[in-house]
Amino acid sequence: RLVCRGFFVLTLFLVFVNEVLIYYVAQSSWHAIDCQHENCTRLLLIADPQILGNSYDRSSHSSLARYDSDRYLKKSFERAISFTQPHIIVFLGDLLDEGNIATAQEYKQYVKRFKRIFQNKKYTKFRMISAYFQRIHVPGDNDIGGDNGDYISNSNQRRFENEFMSEDLFDYDNHLRFFKINRMLLDFTNPDKDNNADRLRIGISHAPLLIGGGPLLRAIISELDPHIIFSGHWHESRIFLYPSTKVVNFYENAVRHFDLKALKEQDHSYLEIMVPTCSYRMGKSKIGMGYAVLEDYNLSYTVLWQPNRFILLFTYLFWGLFVLCGGIVYKMMTRCPFRVVQRQTHYSRVSNIPQF
């Protein structure tokens, strides 16, 4: 009975660590970025959450996998919101994993799950208040199609725009201007070209732009002339500089600082930051959300690294096997107890010999 109680208490402790405490442990390694001026703008960048659908995985445990993935994203998002208190949340495409192939009914269910995970509410350290963030959404190839030359239907574009882009931000606080760039369609938004020069220009794209080149990049440079581009798609954390073709892998727990005005006017360079995926289902060992702070033309950027969920799931598997083996050994010991058989001495055996 004491052994069973011990196993039960240790199991509860393991669940508490894996489902609650681990998110706070991950947060302890994050770097806060303090605002020095009043015109500070905090951005939370979320790339490739890819809410799991029903078609690609039809196994017996698919519903459990969807539940666990949704819960992981929700808990990670809550901690990131509480830590950063962002003014703007930017979703860098691939919001859904099967958005481009979903039926109308499935699409509504996926959108409902997405909005339940990334609730449009503002969290504080002690309570949750009803206040809305500004949001920006760009479509990815898993949302509307276009990967490896796949056909992009008008219906896929329309339903994504209706569900996610109807209230998107374009200008913020009269000094930031966002441009949504769609590399799959070779298209971008630029409705107020005459006033672009007065604002800090930020390109938002699902797929990386500076490393690809081509006519789309030339058009972006000539018409938008962005100070900074944020992208996703590769599920990696990288920093690009153009035209130097310099690529930097960014996986440390640190804050990078950039003078966007100097990069453009002195170095004549363009900067792109690739944000890693925030979903453990993408098979990457390093997952997280981007956190950027803009003050005038100064950019501070870091990644809020999340715990590796697969490692936590493996601990459940190993603990379950350990408990199972311990239970089997315990049953064997209780049903087949070892018996101590007294030895008969040589004299006792001799005394038992019948006398004639």
Protein backbone atom coordinates (compact mmCIF):
# COMPACT_ATOMS: atom_id res chain seq x y z
CA ARG A 1 0.00 0.00 0.00
CA LEU A 2 2.85 2.39 0.80
CA VAL A 3 4.50 1.63 -2.56
CA CYS A 4 1.24 2.31 -4.44
CA ARG A 5 0.84 5.65 -2.67
CA GLY A 6 4.42 6.55 -3.55
CA PHE A 7 3.84 5.79 -7.24
CA PHE A 8 0.61 7.84 -7.21
CA VAL A 9 2.27 10.89 -5.60
CA LEU A 10 5.22 10.75 -8.00
CA THR A 11 2.83 10.48 -10.97
CA LEU A 12 0.93 13.58 -9.83
CA PHE A 13 4.21 15.43 -9.38
CA LEU A 14 5.34 14.45 -12.91
CA VAL A 15 2.04 15.68 -14.38
CA PHE A 16 2.34 18.97 -12.48
CA VAL A 17 5.88 19.51 -13.75
CA ASN A 18 5.09 18.64 -17.37
CA GLU A 19 1.75 20.44 -17.62
CA VAL A 20 2.21 23.52 -15.43
CA LEU A 21 5.67 24.15 -14.03
CA ILE A 22 7.66 23.58 -17.23
CA TYR A 23 6.16 26.68 -18.90
CA TYR A 24 7.34 28.88 -16.04
CA VAL A 25 10.77 27.22 -16.15
CA ALA A 26 11.00 28.05 -19.86
CA GLN A 27 9.90 31.63 -19.15
CA SER A 28 12.72 32.06 -16.63
CA SER A 29 15.23 31.98 -19.51
CA TRP A 30 13.48 34.70 -21.53
CA HIS A 31 14.99 38.17 -21.79
CA ALA A 32 12.84 41.20 -21.06
CA ILE A 33 13.27 44.24 -23.30
CA ASP A 34 12.61 47.51 -21.49
CA CYS A 35 11.21 50.50 -23.35
CA GLN A 36 13.31 53.65 -23.15
CA HIS A 37 10.95 56.03 -24.97
CA GLU A 38 7.22 56.72 -25.11
CA ASN A 39 6.87 55.62 -28.73
CA CYS A 40 7.90 52.07 -27.88
CA THR A 41 6.00 49.35 -29.77
CA ARG A 42 6.12 45.70 -28.70
CA LEU A 43 5.49 42.97 -31.29
CA LEU A 44 4.77 39.30 -30.59
CA LEU A 45 5.58 37.26 -33.71
CA ILE A 46 3.93 33.86 -34.14
CA ALA A 47 4.95 31.64 -37.06
CA ASP A 48 3.55 28.35 -38.29
CA PRO A 49 1.25 27.20 -35.47
CA GLN A 50 -0.39 24.88 -38.02
CA ILE A 51 -3.47 23.82 -36.06
CA LEU A 52 -3.81 20.08 -36.72
CA GLY A 53 -6.66 18.91 -38.96
CA ASN A 54 -8.60 15.69 -39.40
CA SER A 55 -7.40 14.41 -42.79
CA TYR A 56 -3.66 13.83 -42.55
CA ASP A 57 -3.80 11.88 -39.27
CA ARG A 58 -6.59 9.32 -38.93
CA SER A 59 -4.96 7.13 -36.29
CA SER A 60 -6.70 6.02 -33.13
CA HIS A 61 -4.88 8.65 -31.06
CA SER A 62 -5.37 11.57 -33.50
CA SER A 63 -7.96 13.29 -31.30
CA LEU A 64 -5.58 13.12 -28.33
CA ALA A 65 -2.77 14.55 -30.51
CA ARG A 66 -4.97 17.48 -31.57
CA TYR A 67 -5.98 18.17 -27.99
CA ASP A 68 -2.40 18.06 -26.72
CA SER A 69 -1.10 20.29 -29.53
CA ASP A 70 -3.88 22.85 -28.97
CA ARG A 71 -3.26 22.91 -25.23
CA TYR A 72 0.49 23.32 -25.69
CA LEU A 73 -0.01 26.29 -28.04
CA LYS A 74 -2.54 27.88 -25.69
CA LYS A 75 -0.31 27.57 -22.61
CA SER A 76 2.73 28.89 -24.50
CA PHE A 77 0.71 31.81 -25.87
CA GLU A 78 -0.61 32.73 -22.43
CA ARG A 79 2.89 32.85 -20.95
CA ALA A 80 4.20 34.87 -23.92
CA ILE A 81 1.34 37.39 -23.63
CA SER A 82 1.85 37.78 -19.90
CA PHE A 83 5.59 38.28 -20.37
CA THR A 84 5.61 40.68 -23.34
CA GLN A 85 2.31 42.60 -23.02
CA PRO A 86 2.46 43.31 -26.77
CA HIS A 87 0.77 46.11 -28.66
CA ILE A 88 0.59 44.04 -31.87
CA ILE A 89 0.46 40.30 -32.53
CA VAL A 90 1.73 39.23 -35.96
CA PHE A 91 0.79 35.80 -37.36
CA LEU A 92 3.26 34.84 -40.08
CA GLY A 93 1.20 32.29 -41.99
CA ASP A 94 0.40 28.58 -41.84
CA LEU A 95 -2.18 29.24 -39.16
CA LEU A 96 -3.89 25.96 -40.09
CA ASP A 97 -2.30 22.71 -41.17
CA GLU A 98 -5.08 21.71 -43.58
CA GLY A 99 -6.65 25.05 -44.45
CA ASN A 100 -6.05 24.62 -48.16
CA ILE A 101 -7.82 21.23 -48.38
CA ALA A 102 -10.51 21.61 -45.69
CA THR A 103 -14.21 21.54 -46.50
CA ALA A 104 -16.34 24.50 -45.49
CA GLN A 105 -17.50 22.75 -42.31
CA GLU A 106 -13.98 21.60 -41.37
CA TYR A 107 -12.62 25.09 -42.02
CA LYS A 108 -15.10 26.62 -39.57
CA GLN A 109 -14.06 24.10 -36.92
CA TYR A 110 -10.35 24.81 -37.47
CA VAL A 111 -10.91 28.58 -37.27
CA LYS A 112 -12.90 28.14 -34.07
CA ARG A 113 -10.07 26.15 -32.51
CA PHE A 114 -7.51 28.70 -33.65
CA LYS A 115 -9.42 31.58 -32.07
CA ARG A 116 -9.93 29.60 -28.88
CA ILE A 117 -6.17 28.99 -28.61
CA PHE A 118 -5.10 32.53 -29.44
CA GLN A 119 -7.87 34.31 -27.58
CA ASN A 120 -8.26 37.96 -28.46
CA LYS A 121 -7.84 39.11 -24.87
CA LYS A 122 -5.09 40.85 -23.00
CA TYR A 123 -3.43 39.07 -20.10
CA THR A 124 -1.80 40.68 -17.08
CA LYS A 125 0.32 39.02 -14.44
CA PHE A 126 -2.54 38.69 -11.99
CA ARG A 127 -5.78 38.75 -13.95
CA MET A 128 -7.25 38.79 -17.42
CA ILE A 129 -9.02 41.92 -18.62
CA SER A 130 -11.17 42.44 -21.68
CA ALA A 131 -8.92 44.43 -23.96
CA TYR A 132 -8.04 43.76 -27.57
CA PHE A 133 -4.71 43.57 -29.28
CA GLN A 134 -4.01 44.82 -32.74
CA ARG A 135 -3.45 41.83 -35.02
CA ILE A 136 -1.95 41.13 -38.41
CA HIS A 137 -2.41 37.88 -40.35
CA VAL A 138 -0.73 36.75 -43.55
CA PRO A 139 -1.67 33.49 -45.31
CA GLY A 140 0.71 30.59 -45.69
CA ASP A 141 0.77 27.76 -48.20
CA ASN A 142 -1.05 25.49 -45.72
CA ASP A 143 -3.79 28.12 -45.43
CA ILE A 144 -4.54 28.82 -49.10
CA GLY A 145 -2.21 26.56 -51.11
CA GLY A 146 0.75 27.41 -53.30
CA ASP A 147 3.44 25.10 -51.93
CA ASN A 148 5.51 23.49 -54.71
CA GLY A 149 3.34 25.12 -57.34
CA ASP A 150 0.01 23.95 -55.93
CA TYR A 151 -3.07 25.68 -57.26
CA ILE A 152 -4.41 28.58 -55.15
CA SER A 153 -8.17 28.84 -55.49
CA ASN A 154 -10.13 32.06 -55.14
CA SER A 155 -12.39 30.43 -52.55
CA ASN A 156 -9.41 29.60 -50.32
CA GLN A 157 -8.22 33.20 -50.51
CA ARG A 158 -11.67 34.65 -49.77
CA ARG A 159 -12.42 32.51 -46.74
CA PHE A 160 -8.99 33.23 -45.23
CA GLU A 161 -9.50 36.97 -45.74
CA ASN A 162 -13.01 36.82 -44.29
CA GLU A 163 -11.94 34.93 -41.17
CA PHE A 164 -8.55 36.46 -40.42
CA MET A 165 -7.82 39.62 -42.38
CA SER A 166 -11.03 41.63 -42.03
CA GLU A 167 -9.69 43.70 -39.11
CA ASP A 168 -5.99 43.62 -39.88
CA LEU A 169 -3.73 46.52 -39.03
CA PHE A 170 -2.01 48.62 -41.67
CA ASP A 171 -0.77 51.72 -39.83
CA TYR A 172 -0.01 51.95 -36.13
CA ASP A 173 0.33 55.13 -34.07
CA ASN A 174 1.21 57.20 -37.15
CA HIS A 175 4.81 56.01 -37.24
CA LEU A 176 4.67 52.29 -38.20
CA ARG A 177 3.40 50.97 -41.52
CA PHE A 178 2.91 47.26 -42.19
CA PHE A 179 2.93 45.69 -45.65
CA LYS A 180 1.50 42.21 -46.13
CA ILE A 181 3.49 40.33 -48.77
CA ASN A 182 2.29 37.12 -50.42
CA ARG A 183 5.15 35.34 -52.10
CA MET A 184 2.91 32.54 -53.38
CA LEU A 185 0.84 35.05 -55.38
CA LEU A 186 3.77 37.44 -56.01
CA ASP A 187 1.68 40.22 -54.54
CA PHE A 188 1.82 42.82 -51.75
CA THR A 189 -0.28 45.65 -50.31
CA ASN A 190 0.71 49.27 -50.84
CA PRO A 191 -2.44 51.44 -50.73
CA ASP A 192 -0.83 54.70 -49.62
CA LYS A 193 2.46 54.86 -51.50
CA ASP A 194 2.81 58.64 -51.31
CA ASN A 195 3.13 58.63 -47.50
CA ASN A 196 5.44 55.64 -47.12
CA ALA A 197 8.54 57.75 -46.57
CA ASP A 198 7.13 59.26 -43.37
CA ARG A 199 6.88 55.92 -41.55
CA LEU A 200 9.00 53.03 -40.43
CA ARG A 201 8.14 50.33 -42.98
CA ILE A 202 7.74 46.70 -41.92
CA GLY A 203 7.22 43.84 -44.36
CA ILE A 204 5.24 40.80 -43.17
CA SER A 205 5.57 37.61 -45.21
CA HIS A 206 5.05 33.91 -44.69
CA ALA A 207 7.88 32.80 -46.96
CA PRO A 208 11.36 34.38 -46.79
CA LEU A 209 12.02 37.10 -49.37
CA LEU A 210 15.62 38.32 -49.29
CA ILE A 211 17.14 34.92 -49.94
CA GLY A 212 14.88 34.15 -52.90
CA GLY A 213 15.56 37.13 -55.17
CA GLY A 214 13.58 37.49 -58.38
CA PRO A 215 11.13 40.11 -59.65
CA LEU A 216 9.07 40.14 -56.43
CA LEU A 217 12.09 41.16 -54.35
CA ARG A 218 13.02 43.87 -56.85
CA ALA A 219 9.48 45.24 -56.74
CA ILE A 220 9.46 45.19 -52.92
CA ILE A 221 12.76 47.06 -52.73
CA SER A 222 11.78 49.68 -55.27
CA GLU A 223 8.19 50.31 -54.13
CA LEU A 224 8.13 49.50 -50.41
CA ASP A 225 11.78 49.95 -49.42
CA PRO A 226 11.18 48.19 -46.05
CA HIS A 227 13.34 48.77 -43.00
CA ILE A 228 12.69 45.26 -41.68
CA ILE A 229 10.97 42.09 -42.93
CA PHE A 230 9.58 39.32 -40.69
CA SER A 231 8.92 35.87 -42.15
CA GLY A 232 8.46 32.19 -41.22
CA HIS A 233 7.81 29.07 -43.33
CA TRP A 234 11.15 27.28 -42.78
CA HIS A 235 10.45 26.64 -39.07
CA GLU A 236 13.96 27.93 -38.34
CA SER A 237 15.35 30.97 -36.50
CA ARG A 238 17.58 32.97 -38.83
CA ILE A 239 18.66 36.49 -39.73
CA PHE A 240 19.27 37.57 -43.33
CA LEU A 241 21.12 40.61 -44.67
CA TYR A 242 20.74 41.66 -48.30
CA PRO A 243 22.61 42.12 -50.63
CA SER A 244 25.50 40.62 -48.62
CA THR A 245 23.75 37.17 -48.65
CA LYS A 246 24.78 36.83 -45.00
CA VAL A 247 22.71 34.31 -43.04
CA VAL A 248 22.98 33.96 -39.25
CA ASN A 249 21.40 31.11 -37.27
CA PHE A 250 19.87 32.62 -34.15
CA TYR A 251 19.31 30.02 -31.43
CA GLU A 252 20.81 31.60 -28.33
CA ASN A 253 18.97 33.11 -25.38
CA ALA A 254 19.97 36.67 -26.11
CA VAL A 255 18.71 39.99 -27.45
CA ARG A 256 19.93 41.31 -30.80
CA HIS A 257 19.91 45.07 -31.43
CA PHE A 258 19.68 46.69 -34.86
CA ASP A 259 19.83 50.30 -35.99
CA LEU A 260 17.42 50.11 -38.93
CA LYS A 261 18.14 53.62 -40.12
CA ALA A 262 21.89 53.04 -40.23
CA LEU A 263 21.45 49.71 -41.99
CA LYS A 264 19.46 51.35 -44.76
CA GLU A 265 21.21 54.71 -45.15
CA GLN A 266 24.82 53.81 -44.36
CA ASP A 267 25.17 50.11 -45.14
CA HIS A 268 22.48 50.14 -47.87
CA SER A 269 21.29 46.78 -46.54
CA TYR A 270 17.94 45.13 -45.97
CA LEU A 271 17.23 43.06 -42.88
CA GLU A 272 14.95 40.03 -42.62
CA ILE A 273 14.27 38.03 -39.47
CA MET A 274 12.89 34.51 -39.80
CA VAL A 275 10.79 33.47 -36.80
CA PRO A 276 10.85 29.76 -35.78
CA THR A 277 7.73 27.65 -35.57
CA CYS A 278 5.81 27.67 -32.30
CA SER A 279 4.40 24.15 -32.76
CA TYR A 280 6.21 21.07 -31.49
CA ARG A 281 4.39 19.04 -34.15
CA MET A 282 6.75 20.37 -36.84
CA GLY A 283 9.52 18.10 -35.56
CA LYS A 284 11.98 20.84 -34.62
CA SER A 285 14.00 20.62 -31.42
CA LYS A 286 14.01 24.43 -30.99
CA ILE A 287 10.60 26.11 -31.10
CA GLY A 288 9.48 29.51 -29.93
CA MET A 289 7.85 32.87 -30.61
CA GLY A 290 9.57 36.06 -31.72
CA TYR A 291 9.54 39.16 -29.54
CA ALA A 292 10.52 42.51 -31.06
CA VAL A 293 10.54 46.02 -29.62
CA LEU A 294 10.71 49.08 -31.87
CA GLU A 295 11.75 52.50 -30.59
CA ASP A 296 12.19 55.10 -33.31
CA TYR A 297 14.44 53.22 -35.74
CA ASN A 298 16.01 50.94 -33.13
CA LEU A 299 14.95 47.30 -33.13
CA SER A 300 15.55 44.83 -30.28
CA TYR A 301 14.72 41.20 -31.01
CA THR A 302 14.79 37.92 -29.13
CA VAL A 303 13.07 34.52 -29.24
CA LEU A 304 10.88 33.22 -26.43
CA TRP A 305 11.99 29.60 -26.54
CA GLN A 306 9.37 27.04 -25.55
CA PRO A 307 9.83 23.65 -23.83
CA ASN A 308 10.30 20.65 -26.08
CA ARG A 309 7.00 18.81 -25.73
CA PHE A 310 8.25 15.54 -27.20
CA ILE A 311 10.76 15.16 -24.37
CA LEU A 312 7.96 15.66 -21.87
CA LEU A 313 5.78 13.09 -23.63
CA PHE A 314 8.64 10.59 -23.57
CA THR A 315 8.93 11.04 -19.81
CA TYR A 316 5.30 9.92 -19.55
CA LEU A 317 6.10 6.85 -21.66
CA PHE A 318 9.17 5.88 -19.62
CA TRP A 319 7.39 6.48 -16.33
CA GLY A 320 4.43 4.39 -17.47
CA LEU A 321 6.72 1.51 -18.43
CA PHE A 322 8.55 1.81 -15.10
CA VAL A 323 5.28 1.69 -13.14
CA LEU A 324 4.04 -1.25 -15.22
CA CYS A 325 7.23 -3.24 -14.64
CA GLY A 326 7.14 -2.37 -10.95
CA GLY A 327 3.55 -3.56 -10.72
CA ILE A 328 4.36 -6.85 -12.43
CA VAL A 329 7.30 -7.51 -10.11
CA TYR A 330 5.16 -6.64 -7.09
CA LYS A 331 2.40 -9.06 -8.16
CA MET A 332 4.90 -11.82 -8.72
CA MET A 333 6.41 -11.29 -5.27
CA THR A 334 3.03 -11.31 -3.51
CA ARG A 335 1.62 -14.32 -5.37
CA CYS A 336 4.81 -16.40 -5.34
CA PRO A 337 6.54 -15.53 -2.05
CA PHE A 338 9.98 -16.86 -1.38
CA ARG A 339 9.93 -19.57 1.25
CA VAL A 340 12.79 -20.35 3.54
CA VAL A 341 13.24 -24.08 3.87
CA GLN A 342 15.11 -25.21 6.88
CA ARG A 343 17.95 -27.46 6.15
CA GLN A 344 17.99 -30.78 7.72
CA THR A 345 21.25 -31.51 9.37
CA HIS A 346 23.24 -34.58 8.69
CA TYR A 347 22.43 -35.92 12.14
CA SER A 348 18.70 -35.44 11.75
CA ARG A 349 18.79 -37.33 8.49
CA VAL A 350 20.74 -40.12 10.13
CA SER A 351 18.32 -40.23 13.07
CA ASN A 352 15.45 -40.73 10.70
CA ILE A 353 17.00 -43.94 9.30
CA PRO A 354 14.85 -46.85 10.41
CA GLN A 355 16.49 -49.19 12.97
CA PHE A 356 16.65 -52.90 12.39
